[in-house]
Amino acid sequence: MANSQMLKGIIDGCILQIINMKEVYGYELAQSLESYGFEELSEGTIYPLLLRMSKEELVSSTLKKSTAGPKRKYYRLTDKGREELERFKADWQRLDQSVNRLLLD
């Protein structure tokens, strides 16, 4: 897995993409990231990012009843979050192409 410095610039976009696929709560988001290979990310890392994204109005949240305990906060993308995700995808594609060109040269 990539080191934490490399992940810092990437994880926000990955979180936005997962939330874009479906409305999720924090623990579910952590599990989804883990299933994609981001084993090193803890919930303690994810929740502050979600809080910042909420303050930046990239995501909004709703409390919903849970069948197993207290209410859960579910996150979904805002229009601003969808725009940011599209920017991330375009930036990632350019970076991916540049790095691959360099490494495969």
C-alpha atoms as a PDB file:
ATOM      1  CA  MET A   1       0.000   0.000   0.000  1.00  0.00           C
ATOM      2  CA  ALA A   2       1.142   3.543  -0.704  1.00  0.00           C
ATOM      3  CA  ASN A   3       2.639   5.516   2.141  1.00  0.00           C
ATOM      4  CA  SER A   4       0.568   8.096   4.006  1.00  0.00           C
ATOM      5  CA  GLN A   5       2.140  11.097   2.252  1.00  0.00           C
ATOM      6  CA  MET A   6       1.047   9.759  -1.130  1.00  0.00           C
ATOM      7  CA  LEU A   7      -2.437   9.013   0.178  1.00  0.00           C
ATOM      8  CA  LYS A   8      -3.084  12.522   1.526  1.00  0.00           C
ATOM      9  CA  GLY A   9      -3.761  13.961  -1.888  1.00  0.00           C
ATOM     10  CA  ILE A  10      -5.775  10.999  -3.104  1.00  0.00           C
ATOM     11  CA  ILE A  11      -8.018   9.888  -0.266  1.00  0.00           C
ATOM     12  CA  ASP A  12     -10.463  12.817  -0.498  1.00  0.00           C
ATOM     13  CA  GLY A  13     -11.282  11.937  -4.091  1.00  0.00           C
ATOM     14  CA  CYS A  14     -11.693   8.278  -3.203  1.00  0.00           C
ATOM     15  CA  ILE A  15     -14.069   9.145  -0.370  1.00  0.00           C
ATOM     16  CA  LEU A  16     -16.095  11.392  -2.662  1.00  0.00           C
ATOM     17  CA  GLN A  17     -16.333   8.580  -5.225  1.00  0.00           C
ATOM     18  CA  ILE A  18     -17.587   6.049  -2.679  1.00  0.00           C
ATOM     19  CA  ILE A  19     -20.181   8.511  -1.386  1.00  0.00           C
ATOM     20  CA  ASN A  20     -21.138   9.236  -4.995  1.00  0.00           C
ATOM     21  CA  MET A  21     -21.845   5.542  -5.564  1.00  0.00           C
ATOM     22  CA  LYS A  22     -24.250   5.406  -2.614  1.00  0.00           C
ATOM     23  CA  GLU A  23     -25.182   7.147   0.598  1.00  0.00           C
ATOM     24  CA  VAL A  24     -22.985   5.715   3.383  1.00  0.00           C
ATOM     25  CA  TYR A  25     -22.271   6.105   7.087  1.00  0.00           C
ATOM     26  CA  GLY A  26     -18.751   6.403   8.462  1.00  0.00           C
ATOM     27  CA  TYR A  27     -18.044   2.796   9.399  1.00  0.00           C
ATOM     28  CA  GLU A  28     -19.504   1.582   6.107  1.00  0.00           C
ATOM     29  CA  LEU A  29     -17.241   4.045   4.286  1.00  0.00           C
ATOM     30  CA  ALA A  30     -14.210   2.697   6.177  1.00  0.00           C
ATOM     31  CA  GLN A  31     -15.153  -0.866   5.203  1.00  0.00           C
ATOM     32  CA  SER A  32     -15.608   0.129   1.584  1.00  0.00           C
ATOM     33  CA  LEU A  33     -12.202   1.835   1.482  1.00  0.00           C
ATOM     34  CA  GLU A  34     -10.663  -1.274   3.017  1.00  0.00           C
ATOM     35  CA  SER A  35     -12.288  -3.464   0.370  1.00  0.00           C
ATOM     36  CA  TYR A  36     -10.572  -1.334  -2.303  1.00  0.00           C
ATOM     37  CA  GLY A  37      -7.176  -1.854  -0.693  1.00  0.00           C
ATOM     38  CA  PHE A  38      -6.954   1.105   1.689  1.00  0.00           C
ATOM     39  CA  GLU A  39      -6.319  -1.088   4.739  1.00  0.00           C
ATOM     40  CA  GLU A  40      -4.177   1.521   6.493  1.00  0.00           C
ATOM     41  CA  LEU A  41      -7.011   4.030   6.876  1.00  0.00           C
ATOM     42  CA  SER A  42      -8.747   3.998  10.234  1.00  0.00           C
ATOM     43  CA  GLU A  43     -12.090   5.456  11.178  1.00  0.00           C
ATOM     44  CA  GLY A  44     -10.093   8.002  13.193  1.00  0.00           C
ATOM     45  CA  THR A  45      -8.682   9.255   9.905  1.00  0.00           C
ATOM     46  CA  ILE A  46     -11.942   9.174   7.993  1.00  0.00           C
ATOM     47  CA  TYR A  47     -14.222  11.072  10.401  1.00  0.00           C
ATOM     48  CA  PRO A  48     -12.130  14.268  10.451  1.00  0.00           C
ATOM     49  CA  LEU A  49     -12.103  14.204   6.643  1.00  0.00           C
ATOM     50  CA  LEU A  50     -15.888  13.846   6.583  1.00  0.00           C
ATOM     51  CA  LEU A  51     -16.205  16.750   9.038  1.00  0.00           C
ATOM     52  CA  ARG A  52     -14.000  18.947   6.837  1.00  0.00           C
ATOM     53  CA  MET A  53     -15.924  17.912   3.724  1.00  0.00           C
ATOM     54  CA  SER A  54     -19.162  18.837   5.495  1.00  0.00           C
ATOM     55  CA  LYS A  55     -17.777  22.263   6.407  1.00  0.00           C
ATOM     56  CA  GLU A  56     -16.655  22.740   2.795  1.00  0.00           C
ATOM     57  CA  GLU A  57     -20.179  21.740   1.699  1.00  0.00           C
ATOM     58  CA  LEU A  58     -18.908  18.831  -0.402  1.00  0.00           C
ATOM     59  CA  VAL A  59     -21.095  16.379   1.526  1.00  0.00           C
ATOM     60  CA  SER A  60     -24.259  16.654   3.550  1.00  0.00           C
ATOM     61  CA  SER A  61     -25.487  14.271   6.202  1.00  0.00           C
ATOM     62  CA  THR A  62     -28.708  12.905   7.605  1.00  0.00           C
ATOM     63  CA  LEU A  63     -29.299  10.933  10.795  1.00  0.00           C
ATOM     64  CA  LYS A  64     -31.186   7.730  10.164  1.00  0.00           C
ATOM     65  CA  LYS A  65     -32.422   4.978  12.417  1.00  0.00           C
ATOM     66  CA  SER A  66     -30.268   1.903  12.730  1.00  0.00           C
ATOM     67  CA  THR A  67     -31.439  -1.634  13.342  1.00  0.00           C
ATOM     68  CA  ALA A  68     -28.352  -2.142  15.536  1.00  0.00           C
ATOM     69  CA  GLY A  69     -28.079   0.685  18.048  1.00  0.00           C
ATOM     70  CA  PRO A  70     -28.134   4.478  17.841  1.00  0.00           C
ATOM     71  CA  LYS A  71     -28.925   6.543  14.769  1.00  0.00           C
ATOM     72  CA  ARG A  72     -26.258   6.684  12.083  1.00  0.00           C
ATOM     73  CA  LYS A  73     -25.092   9.717  10.156  1.00  0.00           C
ATOM     74  CA  TYR A  74     -25.345   8.991   6.439  1.00  0.00           C
ATOM     75  CA  TYR A  75     -23.347  11.080   3.975  1.00  0.00           C
ATOM     76  CA  ARG A  76     -24.230  12.042   0.415  1.00  0.00           C
ATOM     77  CA  LEU A  77     -22.621  14.339  -2.121  1.00  0.00           C
ATOM     78  CA  THR A  78     -23.803  17.866  -2.682  1.00  0.00           C
ATOM     79  CA  ASP A  79     -23.668  19.522  -6.098  1.00  0.00           C
ATOM     80  CA  LYS A  80     -20.398  21.120  -4.992  1.00  0.00           C
ATOM     81  CA  GLY A  81     -19.117  17.669  -3.999  1.00  0.00           C
ATOM     82  CA  ARG A  82     -19.979  16.255  -7.420  1.00  0.00           C
ATOM     83  CA  GLU A  83     -18.095  19.129  -9.077  1.00  0.00           C
ATOM     84  CA  GLU A  84     -15.083  18.472  -6.841  1.00  0.00           C
ATOM     85  CA  LEU A  85     -15.223  14.770  -7.686  1.00  0.00           C
ATOM     86  CA  GLU A  86     -15.185  15.558 -11.421  1.00  0.00           C
ATOM     87  CA  ARG A  87     -12.167  17.845 -10.877  1.00  0.00           C
ATOM     88  CA  PHE A  88     -10.413  15.079  -8.946  1.00  0.00           C
ATOM     89  CA  LYS A  89     -11.084  12.546 -11.717  1.00  0.00           C
ATOM     90  CA  ALA A  90      -9.666  14.880 -14.377  1.00  0.00           C
ATOM     91  CA  ASP A  91      -6.613  15.696 -12.234  1.00  0.00           C
ATOM     92  CA  TRP A  92      -6.071  12.011 -11.462  1.00  0.00           C
ATOM     93  CA  GLN A  93      -6.240  11.054 -15.124  1.00  0.00           C
ATOM     94  CA  ARG A  94      -3.619  13.681 -16.039  1.00  0.00           C
ATOM     95  CA  LEU A  95      -1.358  12.647 -13.161  1.00  0.00           C
ATOM     96  CA  ASP A  96      -1.752   8.949 -13.936  1.00  0.00           C
ATOM     97  CA  GLN A  97      -0.844   9.501 -17.577  1.00  0.00           C
ATOM     98  CA  SER A  98       2.174  11.650 -16.701  1.00  0.00           C
ATOM     99  CA  VAL A  99       3.558   9.242 -14.121  1.00  0.00           C
ATOM    100  CA  ASN A 100       3.027   6.236 -16.389  1.00  0.00           C
ATOM    101  CA  ARG A 101       4.717   8.020 -19.293  1.00  0.00           C
ATOM    102  CA  LEU A 102       7.691   8.743 -17.078  1.00  0.00           C
ATOM    103  CA  LEU A 103       7.915   5.292 -15.484  1.00  0.00           C
ATOM    104  CA  LEU A 104       7.423   3.407 -18.714  1.00  0.00           C
ATOM    105  CA  ASP A 105       9.837   5.550 -20.740  1.00  0.00           C
END
